[in-house]
mmCIF file of all heavy atoms, coordinates in Angstrom:
data_MODEL
# 
_entry.id   MODEL 
# 
loop_
_atom_site.group_PDB 
_atom_site.id 
_atom_site.type_symbol 
_atom_site.label_atom_id 
_atom_site.label_alt_id 
_atom_site.label_comp_id 
_atom_site.label_asym_id 
_atom_site.label_entity_id 
_atom_site.label_seq_id 
_atom_site.pdbx_PDB_ins_code 
_atom_site.Cartn_x 
_atom_site.Cartn_y 
_atom_site.Cartn_z 
_atom_site.occupancy 
_atom_site.B_iso_or_equiv 
_atom_site.pdbx_formal_charge 
_atom_site.auth_seq_id 
_atom_site.auth_comp_id 
_atom_site.auth_asym_id 
_atom_site.auth_atom_id 
_atom_site.pdbx_PDB_model_num 
ATOM 1   N N   . VAL A 1 1  ? 84.358 31.144 65.738 1.00 0.00 ? 1  VAL A N   1 
ATOM 2   C CA  . VAL A 1 1  ? 83.527 30.357 64.826 1.00 0.00 ? 1  VAL A CA  1 
ATOM 3   C C   . VAL A 1 1  ? 84.382 29.246 64.228 1.00 0.00 ? 1  VAL A C   1 
ATOM 4   O O   . VAL A 1 1  ? 85.426 29.511 63.633 1.00 0.00 ? 1  VAL A O   1 
ATOM 5   C CB  . VAL A 1 1  ? 82.937 31.240 63.708 1.00 0.00 ? 1  VAL A CB  1 
ATOM 6   C CG1 . VAL A 1 1  ? 82.112 30.385 62.746 1.00 0.00 ? 1  VAL A CG1 1 
ATOM 7   C CG2 . VAL A 1 1  ? 82.093 32.360 64.290 1.00 0.00 ? 1  VAL A CG2 1 
ATOM 8   N N   . ARG A 1 2  ? 83.938 28.022 64.396 1.00 0.00 ? 2  ARG A N   1 
ATOM 9   C CA  . ARG A 1 2  ? 84.644 26.884 63.815 1.00 0.00 ? 2  ARG A CA  1 
ATOM 10  C C   . ARG A 1 2  ? 83.901 26.430 62.569 1.00 0.00 ? 2  ARG A C   1 
ATOM 11  O O   . ARG A 1 2  ? 82.716 26.110 62.621 1.00 0.00 ? 2  ARG A O   1 
ATOM 12  C CB  . ARG A 1 2  ? 84.739 25.728 64.813 1.00 0.00 ? 2  ARG A CB  1 
ATOM 13  C CG  . ARG A 1 2  ? 85.371 24.461 64.223 1.00 0.00 ? 2  ARG A CG  1 
ATOM 14  C CD  . ARG A 1 2  ? 85.443 23.338 65.229 1.00 0.00 ? 2  ARG A CD  1 
ATOM 15  N NE  . ARG A 1 2  ? 85.855 22.081 64.628 1.00 0.00 ? 2  ARG A NE  1 
ATOM 16  C CZ  . ARG A 1 2  ? 87.108 21.756 64.347 1.00 0.00 ? 2  ARG A CZ  1 
ATOM 17  N NH1 . ARG A 1 2  ? 88.081 22.611 64.607 1.00 0.00 ? 2  ARG A NH1 1 
ATOM 18  N NH2 . ARG A 1 2  ? 87.396 20.583 63.806 1.00 0.00 ? 2  ARG A NH2 1 
ATOM 19  N N   . LEU A 1 3  ? 84.629 26.393 61.450 1.00 0.00 ? 3  LEU A N   1 
ATOM 20  C CA  . LEU A 1 3  ? 84.039 25.990 60.181 1.00 0.00 ? 3  LEU A CA  1 
ATOM 21  C C   . LEU A 1 3  ? 84.309 24.512 59.946 1.00 0.00 ? 3  LEU A C   1 
ATOM 22  O O   . LEU A 1 3  ? 85.457 24.074 59.916 1.00 0.00 ? 3  LEU A O   1 
ATOM 23  C CB  . LEU A 1 3  ? 84.630 26.823 59.036 1.00 0.00 ? 3  LEU A CB  1 
ATOM 24  C CG  . LEU A 1 3  ? 84.417 28.332 59.124 1.00 0.00 ? 3  LEU A CG  1 
ATOM 25  C CD1 . LEU A 1 3  ? 85.112 29.034 57.965 1.00 0.00 ? 3  LEU A CD1 1 
ATOM 26  C CD2 . LEU A 1 3  ? 82.932 28.673 59.129 1.00 0.00 ? 3  LEU A CD2 1 
ATOM 27  N N   . ASP A 1 4  ? 83.248 23.744 59.791 1.00 0.00 ? 4  ASP A N   1 
ATOM 28  C CA  . ASP A 1 4  ? 83.354 22.311 59.522 1.00 0.00 ? 4  ASP A CA  1 
ATOM 29  C C   . ASP A 1 4  ? 82.674 22.003 58.191 1.00 0.00 ? 4  ASP A C   1 
ATOM 30  O O   . ASP A 1 4  ? 81.741 22.698 57.768 1.00 0.00 ? 4  ASP A O   1 
ATOM 31  C CB  . ASP A 1 4  ? 82.701 21.490 60.629 1.00 0.00 ? 4  ASP A CB  1 
ATOM 32  C CG  . ASP A 1 4  ? 83.464 21.569 61.941 1.00 0.00 ? 4  ASP A CG  1 
ATOM 33  O OD1 . ASP A 1 4  ? 84.696 21.705 61.890 1.00 0.00 ? 4  ASP A OD1 1 
ATOM 34  O OD2 . ASP A 1 4  ? 82.818 21.531 63.001 1.00 0.00 ? 4  ASP A OD2 1 
ATOM 35  N N   . ASN A 1 5  ? 83.148 20.948 57.565 1.00 0.00 ? 5  ASN A N   1 
ATOM 36  C CA  . ASN A 1 5  ? 82.524 20.456 56.341 1.00 0.00 ? 5  ASN A CA  1 
ATOM 37  C C   . ASN A 1 5  ? 81.693 19.224 56.672 1.00 0.00 ? 5  ASN A C   1 
ATOM 38  O O   . ASN A 1 5  ? 82.183 18.294 57.332 1.00 0.00 ? 5  ASN A O   1 
ATOM 39  C CB  . ASN A 1 5  ? 83.588 20.097 55.297 1.00 0.00 ? 5  ASN A CB  1 
ATOM 40  C CG  . ASN A 1 5  ? 84.377 21.308 54.863 1.00 0.00 ? 5  ASN A CG  1 
ATOM 41  O OD1 . ASN A 1 5  ? 83.803 22.357 54.624 1.00 0.00 ? 5  ASN A OD1 1 
ATOM 42  N ND2 . ASN A 1 5  ? 85.692 21.180 54.759 1.00 0.00 ? 5  ASN A ND2 1 
ATOM 43  N N   . ARG A 1 6  ? 80.450 19.222 56.235 1.00 0.00 ? 6  ARG A N   1 
ATOM 44  C CA  . ARG A 1 6  ? 79.563 18.095 56.468 1.00 0.00 ? 6  ARG A CA  1 
ATOM 45  C C   . ARG A 1 6  ? 79.068 17.556 55.136 1.00 0.00 ? 6  ARG A C   1 
ATOM 46  O O   . ARG A 1 6  ? 78.478 18.289 54.330 1.00 0.00 ? 6  ARG A O   1 
ATOM 47  C CB  . ARG A 1 6  ? 78.365 18.507 57.344 1.00 0.00 ? 6  ARG A CB  1 
ATOM 48  C CG  . ARG A 1 6  ? 78.763 18.843 58.774 1.00 0.00 ? 6  ARG A CG  1 
ATOM 49  C CD  . ARG A 1 6  ? 79.351 17.631 59.482 1.00 0.00 ? 6  ARG A CD  1 
ATOM 50  N NE  . ARG A 1 6  ? 79.886 17.963 60.801 1.00 0.00 ? 6  ARG A NE  1 
ATOM 51  C CZ  . ARG A 1 6  ? 80.613 17.152 61.542 1.00 0.00 ? 6  ARG A CZ  1 
ATOM 52  N NH1 . ARG A 1 6  ? 80.922 15.956 61.055 1.00 0.00 ? 6  ARG A NH1 1 
ATOM 53  N NH2 . ARG A 1 6  ? 81.062 17.520 62.719 1.00 0.00 ? 6  ARG A NH2 1 
ATOM 54  N N   . ALA A 1 7  ? 79.314 16.274 54.903 1.00 0.00 ? 7  ALA A N   1 
ATOM 55  C CA  . ALA A 1 7  ? 78.854 15.630 53.678 1.00 0.00 ? 7  ALA A CA  1 
ATOM 56  C C   . ALA A 1 7  ? 77.450 15.084 53.892 1.00 0.00 ? 7  ALA A C   1 
ATOM 57  O O   . ALA A 1 7  ? 77.181 14.402 54.880 1.00 0.00 ? 7  ALA A O   1 
ATOM 58  C CB  . ALA A 1 7  ? 79.806 14.501 53.280 1.00 0.00 ? 7  ALA A CB  1 
ATOM 59  N N   . VAL A 1 8  ? 76.568 15.399 52.970 1.00 0.00 ? 8  VAL A N   1 
ATOM 60  C CA  . VAL A 1 8  ? 75.174 14.962 53.058 1.00 0.00 ? 8  VAL A CA  1 
ATOM 61  C C   . VAL A 1 8  ? 74.865 14.113 51.833 1.00 0.00 ? 8  VAL A C   1 
ATOM 62  O O   . VAL A 1 8  ? 75.122 14.533 50.699 1.00 0.00 ? 8  VAL A O   1 
ATOM 63  C CB  . VAL A 1 8  ? 74.214 16.166 53.121 1.00 0.00 ? 8  VAL A CB  1 
ATOM 64  C CG1 . VAL A 1 8  ? 72.767 15.696 53.189 1.00 0.00 ? 8  VAL A CG1 1 
ATOM 65  C CG2 . VAL A 1 8  ? 74.549 17.048 54.314 1.00 0.00 ? 8  VAL A CG2 1 
ATOM 66  N N   . PRO A 1 9  ? 74.345 12.901 52.015 1.00 0.00 ? 9  PRO A N   1 
ATOM 67  C CA  . PRO A 1 9  ? 74.028 12.055 50.852 1.00 0.00 ? 9  PRO A CA  1 
ATOM 68  C C   . PRO A 1 9  ? 72.906 12.660 50.020 1.00 0.00 ? 9  PRO A C   1 
ATOM 69  O O   . PRO A 1 9  ? 71.958 13.243 50.552 1.00 0.00 ? 9  PRO A O   1 
ATOM 70  C CB  . PRO A 1 9  ? 73.605 10.724 51.488 1.00 0.00 ? 9  PRO A CB  1 
ATOM 71  C CG  . PRO A 1 9  ? 73.148 11.083 52.872 1.00 0.00 ? 9  PRO A CG  1 
ATOM 72  C CD  . PRO A 1 9  ? 74.002 12.241 53.295 1.00 0.00 ? 9  PRO A CD  1 
ATOM 73  N N   . ILE A 1 10 ? 73.010 12.515 48.705 1.00 0.00 ? 10 ILE A N   1 
ATOM 74  C CA  . ILE A 1 10 ? 71.992 13.098 47.822 1.00 0.00 ? 10 ILE A CA  1 
ATOM 75  C C   . ILE A 1 10 ? 70.724 12.250 47.804 1.00 0.00 ? 10 ILE A C   1 
ATOM 76  O O   . ILE A 1 10 ? 69.660 12.729 47.381 1.00 0.00 ? 10 ILE A O   1 
ATOM 77  C CB  . ILE A 1 10 ? 72.540 13.276 46.394 1.00 0.00 ? 10 ILE A CB  1 
ATOM 78  C CG1 . ILE A 1 10 ? 72.979 11.926 45.822 1.00 0.00 ? 10 ILE A CG1 1 
ATOM 79  C CG2 . ILE A 1 10 ? 73.688 14.262 46.385 1.00 0.00 ? 10 ILE A CG2 1 
ATOM 80  C CD1 . ILE A 1 10 ? 73.472 12.027 44.382 1.00 0.00 ? 10 ILE A CD1 1 
ATOM 81  N N   . ASN A 1 11 ? 70.826 10.983 48.232 1.00 0.00 ? 11 ASN A N   1 
ATOM 82  C CA  . ASN A 1 11 ? 69.635 10.147 48.416 1.00 0.00 ? 11 ASN A CA  1 
ATOM 83  C C   . ASN A 1 11 ? 69.970 9.078  49.455 1.00 0.00 ? 11 ASN A C   1 
ATOM 84  O O   . ASN A 1 11 ? 71.062 9.088  50.031 1.00 0.00 ? 11 ASN A O   1 
ATOM 85  C CB  . ASN A 1 11 ? 69.156 9.532  47.081 1.00 0.00 ? 11 ASN A CB  1 
ATOM 86  C CG  . ASN A 1 11 ? 70.248 8.701  46.412 1.00 0.00 ? 11 ASN A CG  1 
ATOM 87  O OD1 . ASN A 1 11 ? 70.941 7.911  47.060 1.00 0.00 ? 11 ASN A OD1 1 
ATOM 88  N ND2 . ASN A 1 11 ? 70.403 8.877  45.100 1.00 0.00 ? 11 ASN A ND2 1 
ATOM 89  N N   . GLN A 1 12 ? 69.049 8.181  49.689 1.00 0.00 ? 12 GLN A N   1 
ATOM 90  C CA  . GLN A 1 12 ? 69.213 7.182  50.741 1.00 0.00 ? 12 GLN A CA  1 
ATOM 91  C C   . GLN A 1 12 ? 69.840 5.886  50.230 1.00 0.00 ? 12 GLN A C   1 
ATOM 92  O O   . GLN A 1 12 ? 69.753 4.851  50.889 1.00 0.00 ? 12 GLN A O   1 
ATOM 93  C CB  . GLN A 1 12 ? 67.857 6.885  51.382 1.00 0.00 ? 12 GLN A CB  1 
ATOM 94  C CG  . GLN A 1 12 ? 67.251 8.085  52.086 1.00 0.00 ? 12 GLN A CG  1 
ATOM 95  C CD  . GLN A 1 12 ? 68.165 8.643  53.164 1.00 0.00 ? 12 GLN A CD  1 
ATOM 96  O OE1 . GLN A 1 12 ? 68.640 7.903  54.025 1.00 0.00 ? 12 GLN A OE1 1 
ATOM 97  N NE2 . GLN A 1 12 ? 68.433 9.940  53.106 1.00 0.00 ? 12 GLN A NE2 1 
ATOM 98  N N   . SER A 1 13 ? 70.472 5.946  49.088 1.00 0.00 ? 13 SER A N   1 
ATOM 99  C CA  . SER A 1 13 ? 71.150 4.772  48.565 1.00 0.00 ? 13 SER A CA  1 
ATOM 100 C C   . SER A 1 13 ? 72.312 4.390  49.486 1.00 0.00 ? 13 SER A C   1 
ATOM 101 O O   . SER A 1 13 ? 73.008 5.265  50.009 1.00 0.00 ? 13 SER A O   1 
ATOM 102 C CB  . SER A 1 13 ? 71.677 5.050  47.152 1.00 0.00 ? 13 SER A CB  1 
ATOM 103 O OG  . SER A 1 13 ? 72.557 4.035  46.725 1.00 0.00 ? 13 SER A OG  1 
ATOM 104 N N   . PRO A 1 14 ? 72.550 3.109  49.732 1.00 0.00 ? 14 PRO A N   1 
ATOM 105 C CA  . PRO A 1 14 ? 73.667 2.705  50.602 1.00 0.00 ? 14 PRO A CA  1 
ATOM 106 C C   . PRO A 1 14 ? 75.011 3.255  50.147 1.00 0.00 ? 14 PRO A C   1 
ATOM 107 O O   . PRO A 1 14 ? 75.868 3.583  50.972 1.00 0.00 ? 14 PRO A O   1 
ATOM 108 C CB  . PRO A 1 14 ? 73.630 1.176  50.537 1.00 0.00 ? 14 PRO A CB  1 
ATOM 109 C CG  . PRO A 1 14 ? 72.211 0.846  50.196 1.00 0.00 ? 14 PRO A CG  1 
ATOM 110 C CD  . PRO A 1 14 ? 71.739 1.948  49.310 1.00 0.00 ? 14 PRO A CD  1 
ATOM 111 N N   . LYS A 1 15 ? 75.196 3.370  48.827 1.00 0.00 ? 15 LYS A N   1 
ATOM 112 C CA  . LYS A 1 15 ? 76.461 3.896  48.315 1.00 0.00 ? 15 LYS A CA  1 
ATOM 113 C C   . LYS A 1 15 ? 76.693 5.330  48.771 1.00 0.00 ? 15 LYS A C   1 
ATOM 114 O O   . LYS A 1 15 ? 77.772 5.672  49.262 1.00 0.00 ? 15 LYS A O   1 
ATOM 115 C CB  . LYS A 1 15 ? 76.468 3.823  46.786 1.00 0.00 ? 15 LYS A CB  1 
ATOM 116 C CG  . LYS A 1 15 ? 77.736 4.381  46.151 1.00 0.00 ? 15 LYS A CG  1 
ATOM 117 C CD  . LYS A 1 15 ? 77.718 4.212  44.634 1.00 0.00 ? 15 LYS A CD  1 
ATOM 118 C CE  . LYS A 1 15 ? 76.597 5.027  44.011 1.00 0.00 ? 15 LYS A CE  1 
ATOM 119 N NZ  . LYS A 1 15 ? 76.659 4.989  42.520 1.00 0.00 ? 15 LYS A NZ  1 
ATOM 120 N N   . TYR A 1 16 ? 75.680 6.172  48.646 1.00 0.00 ? 16 TYR A N   1 
ATOM 121 C CA  . TYR A 1 16 ? 75.823 7.571  49.026 1.00 0.00 ? 16 TYR A CA  1 
ATOM 122 C C   . TYR A 1 16 ? 75.856 7.736  50.543 1.00 0.00 ? 16 TYR A C   1 
ATOM 123 O O   . TYR A 1 16 ? 76.567 8.605  51.064 1.00 0.00 ? 16 TYR A O   1 
ATOM 124 C CB  . TYR A 1 16 ? 74.687 8.397  48.423 1.00 0.00 ? 16 TYR A CB  1 
ATOM 125 C CG  . TYR A 1 16 ? 74.755 8.499  46.920 1.00 0.00 ? 16 TYR A CG  1 
ATOM 126 C CD1 . TYR A 1 16 ? 73.808 7.853  46.137 1.00 0.00 ? 16 TYR A CD1 1 
ATOM 127 C CD2 . TYR A 1 16 ? 75.767 9.213  46.289 1.00 0.00 ? 16 TYR A CD2 1 
ATOM 128 C CE1 . TYR A 1 16 ? 73.862 7.930  44.742 1.00 0.00 ? 16 TYR A CE1 1 
ATOM 129 C CE2 . TYR A 1 16 ? 75.828 9.297  44.907 1.00 0.00 ? 16 TYR A CE2 1 
ATOM 130 C CZ  . TYR A 1 16 ? 74.877 8.658  44.138 1.00 0.00 ? 16 TYR A CZ  1 
ATOM 131 O OH  . TYR A 1 16 ? 74.947 8.726  42.782 1.00 0.00 ? 16 TYR A OH  1 
ATOM 132 N N   . LEU A 1 17 ? 75.102 6.918  51.256 1.00 0.00 ? 17 LEU A N   1 
ATOM 133 C CA  . LEU A 1 17 ? 75.130 6.992  52.716 1.00 0.00 ? 17 LEU A CA  1 
ATOM 134 C C   . LEU A 1 17 ? 76.509 6.627  53.262 1.00 0.00 ? 17 LEU A C   1 
ATOM 135 O O   . LEU A 1 17 ? 77.035 7.288  54.164 1.00 0.00 ? 17 LEU A O   1 
ATOM 136 C CB  . LEU A 1 17 ? 74.070 6.059  53.299 1.00 0.00 ? 17 LEU A CB  1 
ATOM 137 C CG  . LEU A 1 17 ? 72.602 6.475  53.126 1.00 0.00 ? 17 LEU A CG  1 
ATOM 138 C CD1 . LEU A 1 17 ? 71.681 5.346  53.569 1.00 0.00 ? 17 LEU A CD1 1 
ATOM 139 C CD2 . LEU A 1 17 ? 72.321 7.747  53.921 1.00 0.00 ? 17 LEU A CD2 1 
ATOM 140 N N   . THR A 1 18 ? 77.106 5.572  52.695 1.00 0.00 ? 18 THR A N   1 
ATOM 141 C CA  . THR A 1 18 ? 78.432 5.145  53.148 1.00 0.00 ? 18 THR A CA  1 
ATOM 142 C C   . THR A 1 18 ? 79.482 6.194  52.808 1.00 0.00 ? 18 THR A C   1 
ATOM 143 O O   . THR A 1 18 ? 80.354 6.507  53.630 1.00 0.00 ? 18 THR A O   1 
ATOM 144 C CB  . THR A 1 18 ? 78.800 3.805  52.490 1.00 0.00 ? 18 THR A CB  1 
ATOM 145 O OG1 . THR A 1 18 ? 77.800 2.839  52.815 1.00 0.00 ? 18 THR A OG1 1 
ATOM 146 C CG2 . THR A 1 18 ? 80.145 3.319  52.985 1.00 0.00 ? 18 THR A CG2 1 
ATOM 147 N N   . THR A 1 19 ? 79.401 6.761  51.610 1.00 0.00 ? 19 THR A N   1 
ATOM 148 C CA  . THR A 1 19 ? 80.377 7.781  51.194 1.00 0.00 ? 19 THR A CA  1 
ATOM 149 C C   . THR A 1 19 ? 80.309 9.003  52.095 1.00 0.00 ? 19 THR A C   1 
ATOM 150 O O   . THR A 1 19 ? 81.336 9.538  52.530 1.00 0.00 ? 19 THR A O   1 
ATOM 151 C CB  . THR A 1 19 ? 80.126 8.185  49.740 1.00 0.00 ? 19 THR A CB  1 
ATOM 152 O OG1 . THR A 1 19 ? 80.198 7.031  48.895 1.00 0.00 ? 19 THR A OG1 1 
ATOM 153 C CG2 . THR A 1 19 ? 81.157 9.201  49.285 1.00 0.00 ? 19 THR A CG2 1 
ATOM 154 N N   . ALA A 1 20 ? 79.103 9.461  52.400 1.00 0.00 ? 20 ALA A N   1 
ATOM 155 C CA  . ALA A 1 20 ? 78.945 10.635 53.268 1.00 0.00 ? 20 ALA A CA  1 
ATOM 156 C C   . ALA A 1 20 ? 79.460 10.348 54.673 1.00 0.00 ? 20 ALA A C   1 
ATOM 157 O O   . ALA A 1 20 ? 80.095 11.196 55.305 1.00 0.00 ? 20 ALA A O   1 
ATOM 158 C CB  . ALA A 1 20 ? 77.482 11.061 53.311 1.00 0.00 ? 20 ALA A CB  1 
ATOM 159 N N   . ASP A 1 21 ? 79.200 9.145  55.174 1.00 0.00 ? 21 ASP A N   1 
ATOM 160 C CA  . ASP A 1 21 ? 79.658 8.787  56.515 1.00 0.00 ? 21 ASP A CA  1 
ATOM 161 C C   . ASP A 1 21 ? 81.188 8.748  56.584 1.00 0.00 ? 21 ASP A C   1 
ATOM 162 O O   . ASP A 1 21 ? 81.782 9.259  57.548 1.00 0.00 ? 21 ASP A O   1 
ATOM 163 C CB  . ASP A 1 21 ? 79.081 7.431  56.906 1.00 0.00 ? 21 ASP A CB  1 
ATOM 164 C CG  . ASP A 1 21 ? 79.524 6.991  58.294 1.00 0.00 ? 21 ASP A CG  1 
ATOM 165 O OD1 . ASP A 1 21 ? 79.174 7.672  59.276 1.00 0.00 ? 21 ASP A OD1 1 
ATOM 166 O OD2 . ASP A 1 21 ? 80.242 5.980  58.393 1.00 0.00 ? 21 ASP A OD2 1 
ATOM 167 N N   . ILE A 1 22 ? 81.829 8.178  55.557 1.00 0.00 ? 22 ILE A N   1 
ATOM 168 C CA  . ILE A 1 22 ? 83.299 8.130  55.542 1.00 0.00 ? 22 ILE A CA  1 
ATOM 169 C C   . ILE A 1 22 ? 83.883 9.536  55.449 1.00 0.00 ? 22 ILE A C   1 
ATOM 170 O O   . ILE A 1 22 ? 84.868 9.871  56.134 1.00 0.00 ? 22 ILE A O   1 
ATOM 171 C CB  . ILE A 1 22 ? 83.780 7.254  54.369 1.00 0.00 ? 22 ILE A CB  1 
ATOM 172 C CG1 . ILE A 1 22 ? 83.367 5.801  54.599 1.00 0.00 ? 22 ILE A CG1 1 
ATOM 173 C CG2 . ILE A 1 22 ? 85.290 7.359  54.202 1.00 0.00 ? 22 ILE A CG2 1 
ATOM 174 C CD1 . ILE A 1 22 ? 83.709 4.884  53.447 1.00 0.00 ? 22 ILE A CD1 1 
ATOM 175 N N   . ALA A 1 23 ? 83.286 10.389 54.609 1.00 0.00 ? 23 ALA A N   1 
ATOM 176 C CA  . ALA A 1 23 ? 83.781 11.764 54.467 1.00 0.00 ? 23 ALA A CA  1 
ATOM 177 C C   . ALA A 1 23 ? 83.701 12.514 55.793 1.00 0.00 ? 23 ALA A C   1 
ATOM 178 O O   . ALA A 1 23 ? 84.623 13.257 56.160 1.00 0.00 ? 23 ALA A O   1 
ATOM 179 C CB  . ALA A 1 23 ? 82.991 12.495 53.387 1.00 0.00 ? 23 ALA A CB  1 
ATOM 180 N N   . ASN A 1 24 ? 82.603 12.327 56.530 1.00 0.00 ? 24 ASN A N   1 
ATOM 181 C CA  . ASN A 1 24 ? 82.458 13.005 57.821 1.00 0.00 ? 24 ASN A CA  1 
ATOM 182 C C   . ASN A 1 24 ? 83.430 12.461 58.866 1.00 0.00 ? 24 ASN A C   1 
ATOM 183 O O   . ASN A 1 24 ? 83.885 13.189 59.752 1.00 0.00 ? 24 ASN A O   1 
ATOM 184 C CB  . ASN A 1 24 ? 81.025 12.873 58.326 1.00 0.00 ? 24 ASN A CB  1 
ATOM 185 C CG  . ASN A 1 24 ? 80.045 13.685 57.499 1.00 0.00 ? 24 ASN A CG  1 
ATOM 186 O OD1 . ASN A 1 24 ? 80.393 14.736 56.974 1.00 0.00 ? 24 ASN A OD1 1 
ATOM 187 N ND2 . ASN A 1 24 ? 78.825 13.183 57.366 1.00 0.00 ? 24 ASN A ND2 1 
# 
């Protein structure tokens, strides 16, 4: 089992979308 962390934006704001994409 491989454990990965996935960041999910809390809304569709560009700020949160960009942050989640960079984290992933």
